[in-house]
Amino acid sequence: MKPLGTGLLIFLWALLVYAFSLNGIWSADHPTSLLQLAYALWSSHSVVLGKASQFFPGTVDDFVYKGNYYSALAPGVAVLAQPFVGLGFTLDGGFNLFGNAMLLSEFFVAVCNAAAAYLVFKLASLYFTQKTSAFVAFAYAFSTITWPFATYFFESDVSAMLDVLAVYLAIRMARSGSSRLADAFPCGAALGAALTVDYINGVLVPIVSVFLLYTFRKRLAEFAKGFAGFLLASAVGLIMLALYNQTAFGNPFLTTEQAYQHTSSLLGSFSYPLLDGLYLDLFSPLRGVFVYCPILILGAVGFYFVPRRREMVSEGLLLAACFAGFLFPYAMWYNAVGGEAFGQRFLIPAIPFLLLPSGFLIEAKKPGVAAVAYLLYGVGVVFNGIAGVTFAIPQQDAVSHFPFLTTVLPLFLKGQLDTWWWRESGSGWWAPALLIVATALVLPWATSRLLRLDDSPPGVDSMAAG
């Protein structure tokens, strides 16, 4: 089957699994604040959630500024989700935190993360066979913490989709040698949109800029128009945020995060000890991505197997820089733990860039690697699948505690799920729950057999050097 058909099937499988994992029971601070902002935008075309004397926030992510309540979160997700939540508010007849709008907001995130899995497949297809590319995409969809967070109205999975899209487009530009404005503008637009979803996505603008400038270093005059278009499109996101800030606070340079923290600069927010933050984010039982997503171990080792061709080295450095661009700032973030979460949700947008090099290790044909890869994939599916149907937002715990064992698994064994279908399932809850997890476990193997994915290398067009 052609890559487009395989990628489309990956998207549909991911969306189906996510759809049956959507939360219908709980809300948390982030989803509540985002849904309140979405309702304000939909109902009154305003960024004000309500007057301080009349509005009950119900979340720590809302704050008062000059007599009005605002959301502390970047507004992009609330804007992009309007077609989904607007339908929900219409069906609910207004704002209802636990109504149709909540479920449709979660479905919006599920669509975005399924699209991210498709884009991971497309990006992987530039390097690997269809079989390996499909495995990497399924690993992203089901063996990482993106699955639990695809069941709640969080911004992380939406960020991942836009970030992977931008990097994919940048690499395609480099591979094709295209310096056209028509190719550069969409890449910048993806980063501009990502910036409105989460401020930290702005780190990718200089990273991708350096990559493109290096790629076209011998043709800078020819690339000038395309690069200007890239920067302009990226800046649109910044302009949109400035307009939002001006509307809300009367100051285009005062972000919601600064107003929330009562600080004039964001630099003071990076106060957590770096080494402690790196341990927390990478290895700790509480938040470590290598603990929650063990398949990422292969990704880290896979960087060693990146081909040594010039263009491949620069692309490998791009992937590493994208991951590091998220890791180091969040390792120093004052609230590095991040409150209620299953794993380190801050790093979700960076997961694709650490995961993708696993394909180089798999295709190195080292003895036992394929078996180890599927074993690590399965462990990640069990962790994240059970959390996906049970509880993705356990309360903050000690750094030495593993919430999967202390909170999520005990709830699952008691039959206390959070899915929209759980209450109607009665004592038979375990059958659909186990079927969802089992489906994710076998999908890489089943898809490979069903579509007869081969081990032939990527097409000449994909492998063309920039």
Protein backbone atom coordinates (compact mmCIF):
# COMPACT_ATOMS: atom_id res chain seq x y z
CA MET A 1 0.00 0.00 0.00
CA LYS A 2 1.18 3.53 -0.71
CA PRO A 3 2.38 5.59 2.31
CA LEU A 4 -0.68 7.82 2.10
CA GLY A 5 -2.97 4.82 2.56
CA THR A 6 -0.91 3.45 5.44
CA GLY A 7 -0.75 6.85 7.11
CA LEU A 8 -4.50 7.34 6.75
CA LEU A 9 -5.11 3.96 8.36
CA ILE A 10 -2.80 4.90 11.25
CA PHE A 11 -4.79 8.12 11.71
CA LEU A 12 -8.11 6.27 11.74
CA TRP A 13 -6.93 3.53 14.11
CA ALA A 14 -5.51 6.10 16.53
CA LEU A 15 -8.68 8.19 16.41
CA LEU A 16 -10.87 5.13 17.02
CA VAL A 17 -8.86 4.04 20.05
CA TYR A 18 -8.81 7.58 21.43
CA ALA A 19 -12.55 8.00 20.84
CA PHE A 20 -13.31 5.04 23.08
CA SER A 21 -10.87 6.33 25.70
CA LEU A 22 -12.32 9.84 26.06
CA ASN A 23 -12.96 11.02 29.58
CA GLY A 24 -16.59 11.55 30.58
CA ILE A 25 -16.17 11.82 34.34
CA TRP A 26 -13.54 14.29 35.49
CA SER A 27 -12.26 17.75 34.74
CA ALA A 28 -9.04 19.35 35.90
CA ASP A 29 -7.64 22.85 36.19
CA HIS A 30 -6.34 23.05 32.61
CA PRO A 31 -9.41 21.65 30.83
CA THR A 32 -11.72 23.78 32.99
CA SER A 33 -9.88 27.02 32.23
CA LEU A 34 -9.57 26.25 28.53
CA LEU A 35 -13.25 25.37 28.25
CA GLN A 36 -14.21 28.57 30.10
CA LEU A 37 -12.10 30.62 27.69
CA ALA A 38 -13.58 28.77 24.73
CA TYR A 39 -17.07 29.58 25.99
CA ALA A 40 -16.23 33.27 26.49
CA LEU A 41 -14.92 33.44 22.93
CA TRP A 42 -17.93 31.57 21.56
CA SER A 43 -20.73 33.24 23.51
CA SER A 44 -19.57 36.85 23.85
CA HIS A 45 -16.49 37.05 21.58
CA SER A 46 -14.59 38.19 24.65
CA VAL A 47 -11.41 37.07 26.40
CA VAL A 48 -12.94 37.97 29.79
CA LEU A 49 -14.25 34.92 31.61
CA GLY A 50 -16.40 37.00 33.96
CA LYS A 51 -16.40 39.80 36.49
CA ALA A 52 -14.66 39.06 39.78
CA SER A 53 -17.85 39.76 41.76
CA GLN A 54 -19.97 37.36 39.71
CA PHE A 55 -17.76 34.60 38.31
CA PHE A 56 -16.74 31.43 40.14
CA PRO A 57 -13.51 30.15 38.52
CA GLY A 58 -13.31 26.63 39.94
CA THR A 59 -9.68 26.28 38.79
CA VAL A 60 -6.28 27.60 39.81
CA ASP A 61 -5.58 28.41 36.16
CA ASP A 62 -7.93 31.41 36.28
CA PHE A 63 -6.86 34.72 37.84
CA VAL A 64 -8.20 38.18 38.54
CA TYR A 65 -6.81 41.24 36.73
CA LYS A 66 -8.40 44.64 37.25
CA GLY A 67 -11.72 43.23 38.33
CA ASN A 68 -12.08 40.54 35.67
CA TYR A 69 -11.21 36.85 35.49
CA TYR A 70 -8.90 35.58 32.74
CA SER A 71 -7.37 32.24 31.82
CA ALA A 72 -3.66 31.92 32.56
CA LEU A 73 -3.20 29.65 29.55
CA ALA A 74 -2.22 30.50 26.01
CA PRO A 75 -5.41 31.02 23.99
CA GLY A 76 -4.62 29.02 20.85
CA VAL A 77 -6.31 25.75 21.80
CA ALA A 78 -9.51 27.52 22.86
CA VAL A 79 -9.58 29.25 19.46
CA LEU A 80 -8.74 26.21 17.32
CA ALA A 81 -11.32 24.05 19.12
CA GLN A 82 -14.20 26.45 18.40
CA PRO A 83 -15.97 24.28 15.78
CA PHE A 84 -16.03 21.38 18.25
CA VAL A 85 -16.83 23.19 21.50
CA GLY A 86 -19.26 25.55 19.77
CA LEU A 87 -21.34 22.54 18.76
CA GLY A 88 -21.11 21.29 22.32
CA PHE A 89 -22.25 24.59 23.83
CA THR A 90 -25.15 24.65 21.36
CA LEU A 91 -26.22 21.14 22.35
CA ASP A 92 -25.83 21.99 26.04
CA GLY A 93 -27.73 25.26 25.74
CA GLY A 94 -24.87 27.16 27.37
CA PHE A 95 -21.85 26.39 29.49
CA ASN A 96 -21.80 22.98 31.15
CA LEU A 97 -18.43 21.75 32.35
CA PHE A 98 -19.56 18.13 32.18
CA GLY A 99 -21.77 18.30 29.11
CA ASN A 100 -21.33 17.73 25.40
CA ALA A 101 -18.78 20.53 25.13
CA MET A 102 -16.36 18.68 27.39
CA LEU A 103 -16.59 15.49 25.35
CA LEU A 104 -16.27 17.35 22.04
CA SER A 105 -13.30 19.36 23.31
CA GLU A 106 -11.61 16.06 24.11
CA PHE A 107 -12.52 14.71 20.68
CA PHE A 108 -10.82 17.76 19.14
CA VAL A 109 -7.59 16.86 20.98
CA ALA A 110 -8.00 13.23 19.92
CA VAL A 111 -8.26 14.30 16.27
CA CYS A 112 -5.12 16.43 16.67
CA ASN A 113 -3.10 13.62 18.21
CA ALA A 114 -4.27 11.12 15.60
CA ALA A 115 -3.11 13.67 13.01
CA ALA A 116 0.20 13.90 14.87
CA ALA A 117 0.58 10.11 14.58
CA TYR A 118 -0.05 10.43 10.84
CA LEU A 119 2.59 13.17 10.61
CA VAL A 120 5.06 11.07 12.60
CA PHE A 121 4.52 8.34 9.99
CA LYS A 122 5.11 10.84 7.18
CA LEU A 123 8.28 12.12 8.82
CA ALA A 124 9.53 8.61 9.53
CA SER A 125 8.84 7.64 5.91
CA LEU A 126 11.56 10.06 4.83
CA TYR A 127 14.07 7.73 6.49
CA PHE A 128 12.65 4.26 6.99
CA THR A 129 10.70 1.48 5.33
CA GLN A 130 6.90 1.51 5.56
CA LYS A 131 7.01 -1.23 8.18
CA THR A 132 9.38 0.64 10.48
CA SER A 133 7.65 3.96 9.86
CA ALA A 134 4.27 2.49 10.82
CA PHE A 135 5.77 1.01 13.99
CA VAL A 136 7.24 4.38 15.00
CA ALA A 137 3.89 6.08 14.37
CA PHE A 138 1.98 3.50 16.41
CA ALA A 139 4.59 3.84 19.16
CA TYR A 140 3.91 7.57 19.28
CA ALA A 141 0.14 7.06 19.31
CA PHE A 142 -0.15 4.28 21.89
CA SER A 143 3.14 3.73 23.74
CA THR A 144 3.68 7.29 25.00
CA ILE A 145 1.86 9.65 27.34
CA THR A 146 0.25 11.31 24.34
CA TRP A 147 -2.52 8.69 24.63
CA PRO A 148 -3.76 9.61 28.13
CA PHE A 149 -3.60 13.31 27.27
CA ALA A 150 -5.56 12.76 24.06
CA THR A 151 -8.54 12.02 26.35
CA TYR A 152 -8.60 15.44 28.07
CA PHE A 153 -8.76 19.04 26.89
CA PHE A 154 -5.04 19.80 27.24
CA GLU A 155 -2.86 21.75 24.83
CA SER A 156 0.10 19.32 24.75
CA ASP A 157 -1.04 16.99 21.95
CA VAL A 158 -2.16 19.93 19.82
CA SER A 159 1.32 21.43 20.21
CA ALA A 160 2.88 18.12 19.15
CA MET A 161 0.81 18.02 15.96
CA LEU A 162 1.82 21.53 14.91
CA ASP A 163 5.47 21.08 15.87
CA VAL A 164 5.84 17.82 13.94
CA LEU A 165 4.14 19.42 10.94
CA ALA A 166 6.59 22.32 10.98
CA VAL A 167 9.67 20.10 11.25
CA TYR A 168 8.37 17.74 8.56
CA LEU A 169 7.82 20.67 6.18
CA ALA A 170 11.27 22.08 6.97
CA ILE A 171 12.97 18.76 6.22
CA ARG A 172 10.97 18.35 3.03
CA MET A 173 12.14 21.80 1.95
CA ALA A 174 15.72 20.84 2.67
CA ARG A 175 15.40 17.52 0.84
CA SER A 176 13.80 19.02 -2.25
CA GLY A 177 16.05 22.06 -2.31
CA SER A 178 12.97 24.24 -2.65
CA SER A 179 13.43 27.83 -1.56
CA ARG A 180 9.98 28.89 -2.73
CA LEU A 181 7.77 31.12 -0.63
CA ALA A 182 4.91 28.65 -1.16
CA ASP A 183 6.88 25.97 0.70
CA ALA A 184 8.37 28.14 3.43
CA PHE A 185 5.19 29.95 4.42
CA PRO A 186 3.23 26.86 5.62
CA CYS A 187 6.21 25.80 7.74
CA GLY A 188 6.26 29.20 9.45
CA ALA A 189 2.47 29.21 9.78
CA ALA A 190 2.58 25.89 11.65
CA LEU A 191 5.09 27.35 14.12
CA GLY A 192 3.06 30.55 14.43
CA ALA A 193 -0.04 28.56 15.29
CA ALA A 194 1.96 26.42 17.73
CA LEU A 195 3.15 29.56 19.51
CA THR A 196 -0.44 30.58 20.22
CA VAL A 197 -1.15 27.11 21.65
CA ASP A 198 1.80 27.10 24.06
CA TYR A 199 4.41 29.83 24.46
CA ILE A 200 7.30 27.36 24.73
CA ASN A 201 6.79 26.36 21.09
CA GLY A 202 8.50 29.61 20.21
CA VAL A 203 11.86 27.89 20.81
CA LEU A 204 11.42 26.03 17.54
CA VAL A 205 11.46 29.21 15.46
CA PRO A 206 15.21 29.88 15.92
CA ILE A 207 16.00 26.16 15.80
CA VAL A 208 14.23 25.60 12.48
CA SER A 209 15.60 28.94 11.20
CA VAL A 210 19.19 27.83 11.81
CA PHE A 211 18.50 24.51 10.11
CA LEU A 212 17.06 26.20 7.01
CA LEU A 213 19.81 28.82 6.84
CA TYR A 214 22.45 26.10 7.09
CA THR A 215 20.73 24.02 4.41
CA PHE A 216 20.53 26.94 1.97
CA ARG A 217 23.80 28.59 3.04
CA LYS A 218 25.18 28.44 -0.51
CA ARG A 219 21.99 29.95 -1.98
CA LEU A 220 21.07 32.59 0.59
CA ALA A 221 20.15 35.23 -1.97
CA GLU A 222 17.79 32.81 -3.68
CA PHE A 223 16.37 31.69 -0.31
CA ALA A 224 15.84 35.22 1.03
CA LYS A 225 12.23 35.52 -0.11
CA GLY A 226 11.30 32.07 1.19
CA PHE A 227 13.00 32.69 4.52
CA ALA A 228 11.28 36.05 4.87
CA GLY A 229 7.97 34.29 4.29
CA PHE A 230 8.84 31.71 6.93
CA LEU A 231 9.65 34.40 9.49
CA LEU A 232 6.58 36.44 8.59
CA ALA A 233 4.26 33.46 8.97
CA SER A 234 5.89 32.59 12.31
CA ALA A 235 5.45 36.17 13.44
CA VAL A 236 1.70 36.02 12.77
CA GLY A 237 1.37 33.87 15.88
CA LEU A 238 3.29 36.45 17.87
CA ILE A 239 1.09 39.22 16.49
CA MET A 240 -2.07 37.29 17.40
CA LEU A 241 -0.80 36.87 20.96
CA ALA A 242 0.04 40.58 21.14
CA LEU A 243 -3.50 41.44 20.05
CA TYR A 244 -4.90 39.05 22.65
CA ASN A 245 -2.72 40.62 25.35
CA GLN A 246 -3.72 44.12 24.28
CA THR A 247 -7.41 43.20 24.40
CA ALA A 248 -7.12 41.52 27.79
CA PHE A 249 -4.61 43.65 29.67
CA GLY A 250 -4.10 46.79 27.61
CA ASN A 251 -0.47 45.84 27.01
CA PRO A 252 0.64 43.75 24.01
CA PHE A 253 3.79 42.65 25.84
CA LEU A 254 2.06 41.40 29.00
CA THR A 255 1.34 37.69 28.53
CA THR A 256 -1.23 35.70 30.46
CA GLU A 257 1.61 33.85 32.20
CA GLN A 258 3.18 37.11 33.38
CA ALA A 259 -0.14 38.54 34.54
CA TYR A 260 -0.89 35.28 36.33
CA GLN A 261 2.47 35.24 38.13
CA HIS A 262 2.52 39.03 38.75
CA THR A 263 5.95 39.31 37.19
CA SER A 264 7.38 41.66 34.57
CA SER A 265 9.65 39.01 33.05
CA LEU A 266 9.34 35.30 32.34
CA LEU A 267 13.06 34.74 32.91
CA GLY A 268 12.58 34.68 36.68
CA SER A 269 10.31 31.66 36.29
CA PHE A 270 13.24 29.40 35.37
CA SER A 271 14.50 28.78 38.87
CA TYR A 272 14.36 25.00 39.36
CA PRO A 273 17.83 23.37 39.69
CA LEU A 274 18.76 22.10 36.23
CA LEU A 275 20.16 18.69 37.23
CA ASP A 276 17.18 18.01 39.47
CA GLY A 277 14.88 18.99 36.63
CA LEU A 278 16.65 16.72 34.15
CA TYR A 279 16.36 13.77 36.53
CA LEU A 280 12.71 14.62 37.16
CA ASP A 281 11.81 14.84 33.46
CA LEU A 282 13.87 11.93 32.16
CA PHE A 283 14.27 9.25 34.84
CA SER A 284 12.15 9.88 37.92
CA PRO A 285 9.23 7.51 38.68
CA LEU A 286 7.01 10.57 39.04
CA ARG A 287 7.58 12.23 35.66
CA GLY A 288 10.42 10.56 33.76
CA VAL A 289 9.63 10.05 30.07
CA PHE A 290 11.92 7.01 29.91
CA VAL A 291 9.81 5.44 32.68
CA TYR A 292 6.40 6.20 31.17
CA CYS A 293 7.51 5.74 27.56
CA PRO A 294 10.27 3.09 27.60
CA ILE A 295 10.27 2.94 23.78
CA LEU A 296 12.05 6.31 23.95
CA ILE A 297 15.14 4.48 25.20
CA LEU A 298 15.52 3.13 21.68
CA GLY A 299 15.07 6.64 20.34
CA ALA A 300 17.93 7.95 22.46
CA VAL A 301 20.21 5.08 21.41
CA GLY A 302 19.07 5.51 17.82
CA PHE A 303 20.83 8.85 17.51
CA TYR A 304 24.08 6.89 17.43
CA PHE A 305 22.88 5.08 14.30
CA VAL A 306 21.93 8.19 12.34
CA PRO A 307 23.65 7.84 8.94
CA ARG A 308 26.74 9.96 8.64
CA ARG A 309 25.78 11.61 5.36
CA ARG A 310 25.98 15.39 5.62
CA GLU A 311 22.26 16.04 5.20
CA MET A 312 21.39 13.27 7.66
CA VAL A 313 23.70 14.68 10.30
CA SER A 314 22.08 18.11 10.03
CA GLU A 315 18.61 16.57 10.23
CA GLY A 316 19.62 14.46 13.22
CA LEU A 317 20.92 17.60 14.92
CA LEU A 318 17.60 19.29 14.13
CA LEU A 319 15.67 16.51 15.87
CA ALA A 320 18.01 16.58 18.87
CA ALA A 321 17.80 20.38 19.10
CA CYS A 322 14.00 20.28 18.98
CA PHE A 323 13.92 17.82 21.89
CA ALA A 324 16.52 19.76 23.88
CA GLY A 325 14.68 23.01 23.17
CA PHE A 326 11.78 21.71 25.28
CA LEU A 327 13.74 19.65 27.79
CA PHE A 328 16.11 22.26 29.20
CA PRO A 329 13.64 25.14 29.72
CA TYR A 330 11.13 22.86 31.41
CA ALA A 331 13.85 21.26 33.52
CA MET A 332 14.40 24.75 34.97
CA TRP A 333 10.73 25.79 35.10
CA TYR A 334 9.75 26.96 38.60
CA ASN A 335 6.85 24.47 38.63
CA ALA A 336 8.84 21.66 37.05
CA VAL A 337 6.58 18.90 38.39
CA GLY A 338 3.59 20.46 36.63
CA GLY A 339 0.85 19.62 39.12
CA GLU A 340 -1.63 16.86 38.30
CA ALA A 341 -0.43 14.74 35.41
CA PHE A 342 0.42 11.23 34.23
CA GLY A 343 4.05 11.65 33.28
CA GLN A 344 5.67 14.88 32.17
CA ARG A 345 3.03 16.48 29.95
CA PHE A 346 5.37 19.43 29.32
CA LEU A 347 7.54 17.20 27.11
CA ILE A 348 4.76 15.75 24.97
CA PRO A 349 5.54 18.08 22.00
CA ALA A 350 9.16 16.91 22.15
CA ILE A 351 8.42 13.17 22.20
CA PRO A 352 8.27 12.70 18.39
CA PHE A 353 11.78 14.10 17.97
CA LEU A 354 13.28 11.71 20.52
CA LEU A 355 11.21 8.77 19.28
CA LEU A 356 11.98 8.98 15.57
CA PRO A 357 15.68 7.87 15.72
CA SER A 358 14.49 4.53 17.15
CA GLY A 359 13.88 3.60 13.52
CA PHE A 360 17.60 3.85 12.76
CA LEU A 361 18.35 1.35 15.54
CA ILE A 362 15.57 -1.00 14.42
CA GLU A 363 16.79 -0.94 10.82
CA ALA A 364 20.39 -1.52 11.87
CA LYS A 365 19.28 -5.18 12.15
CA LYS A 366 21.11 -5.76 15.41
CA PRO A 367 20.24 -9.16 16.94
CA GLY A 368 17.25 -8.99 19.28
CA VAL A 369 16.50 -5.32 18.68
CA ALA A 370 13.14 -5.98 17.00
CA ALA A 371 12.00 -8.15 19.91
CA VAL A 372 13.17 -5.59 22.46
CA ALA A 373 11.42 -2.82 20.52
CA TYR A 374 8.09 -4.66 20.61
CA LEU A 375 8.57 -5.50 24.28
CA LEU A 376 9.19 -1.84 25.16
CA TYR A 377 6.27 -0.87 22.94
CA GLY A 378 4.02 -3.28 24.83
CA VAL A 379 5.09 -2.00 28.24
CA GLY A 380 4.34 1.56 27.17
CA VAL A 381 0.94 0.53 25.80
CA VAL A 382 0.02 -1.10 29.11
CA PHE A 383 1.08 1.96 31.12
CA ASN A 384 -0.54 4.54 28.89
CA GLY A 385 -3.52 2.50 27.74
CA ILE A 386 -4.66 1.78 31.28
CA ALA A 387 -4.15 5.45 32.16
CA GLY A 388 -6.03 6.40 29.00
CA VAL A 389 -9.18 4.59 30.10
CA THR A 390 -8.73 5.22 33.82
CA PHE A 391 -7.15 8.46 34.96
CA ALA A 392 -4.65 10.77 33.24
CA ILE A 393 -4.47 13.40 35.99
CA PRO A 394 -3.45 11.78 39.31
CA GLN A 395 -2.55 14.30 41.99
CA GLN A 396 1.02 15.40 42.51
CA ASP A 397 3.03 12.89 44.53
CA ALA A 398 6.56 12.36 45.81
CA VAL A 399 9.26 12.21 43.13
CA SER A 400 10.04 8.63 44.17
CA HIS A 401 6.45 7.44 43.60
CA PHE A 402 5.17 5.96 40.34
CA PRO A 403 1.52 7.09 39.92
CA PHE A 404 0.77 4.17 37.62
CA LEU A 405 1.27 1.81 40.57
CA THR A 406 0.06 4.10 43.37
CA THR A 407 -3.06 5.54 41.70
CA VAL A 408 -3.90 4.45 38.15
CA LEU A 409 -3.56 0.66 38.33
CA PRO A 410 -5.45 0.35 41.66
CA LEU A 411 -8.33 2.36 40.19
CA PHE A 412 -8.33 0.18 37.09
CA LEU A 413 -8.40 -3.03 39.11
CA LYS A 414 -11.37 -1.68 41.07
CA GLY A 415 -13.17 -0.95 37.81
CA GLN A 416 -13.19 2.82 38.35
CA LEU A 417 -12.67 4.09 34.82
CA ASP A 418 -13.23 7.62 33.53
CA THR A 419 -14.49 6.87 30.01
CA TRP A 420 -17.80 8.17 28.68
CA TRP A 421 -19.14 4.61 28.34
CA TRP A 422 -18.04 3.33 31.75
CA ARG A 423 -21.25 3.90 33.71
CA GLU A 424 -23.33 2.09 31.09
CA SER A 425 -20.99 -0.91 30.98
CA GLY A 426 -21.80 -2.10 34.48
CA SER A 427 -19.90 -5.12 35.77
CA GLY A 428 -18.67 -5.89 32.27
CA TRP A 429 -16.46 -2.79 32.17
CA TRP A 430 -13.32 -4.92 31.93
CA ALA A 431 -14.17 -6.34 28.48
CA PRO A 432 -14.15 -3.09 26.46
CA ALA A 433 -11.29 -1.72 28.58
CA LEU A 434 -9.06 -4.71 27.89
CA LEU A 435 -10.14 -4.75 24.23
CA ILE A 436 -8.98 -1.15 23.81
CA VAL A 437 -5.56 -1.89 25.29
CA ALA A 438 -5.25 -5.19 23.39
CA THR A 439 -6.11 -3.47 20.12
CA ALA A 440 -3.27 -0.99 20.62
CA LEU A 441 -0.92 -3.86 21.47
CA VAL A 442 -1.48 -5.77 18.24
CA LEU A 443 -1.99 -2.91 15.77
CA PRO A 444 1.64 -2.63 14.56
CA TRP A 445 1.78 -6.37 13.81
CA ALA A 446 -1.76 -6.56 12.41
CA THR A 447 -1.31 -3.50 10.17
CA SER A 448 1.97 -4.80 8.84
CA ARG A 449 0.38 -8.14 7.95
CA LEU A 450 -2.87 -6.67 6.65
CA LEU A 451 -1.22 -4.15 4.34
CA ARG A 452 1.78 -6.37 3.61
CA LEU A 453 4.14 -3.56 4.47
CA ASP A 454 7.52 -4.24 2.99
CA ASP A 455 11.08 -3.54 4.02
CA SER A 456 12.02 -1.68 0.85
CA PRO A 457 13.83 1.63 1.45
CA PRO A 458 12.13 5.01 1.09
CA GLY A 459 11.60 6.35 -2.42
CA VAL A 460 14.24 8.28 -4.29
CA ASP A 461 12.23 11.47 -3.84
CA SER A 462 12.26 11.09 -0.07
CA MET A 463 15.97 10.43 0.12
CA ALA A 464 17.10 13.22 -2.18
CA ALA A 465 19.66 15.40 -0.48
CA GLY A 466 19.03 19.09 0.06
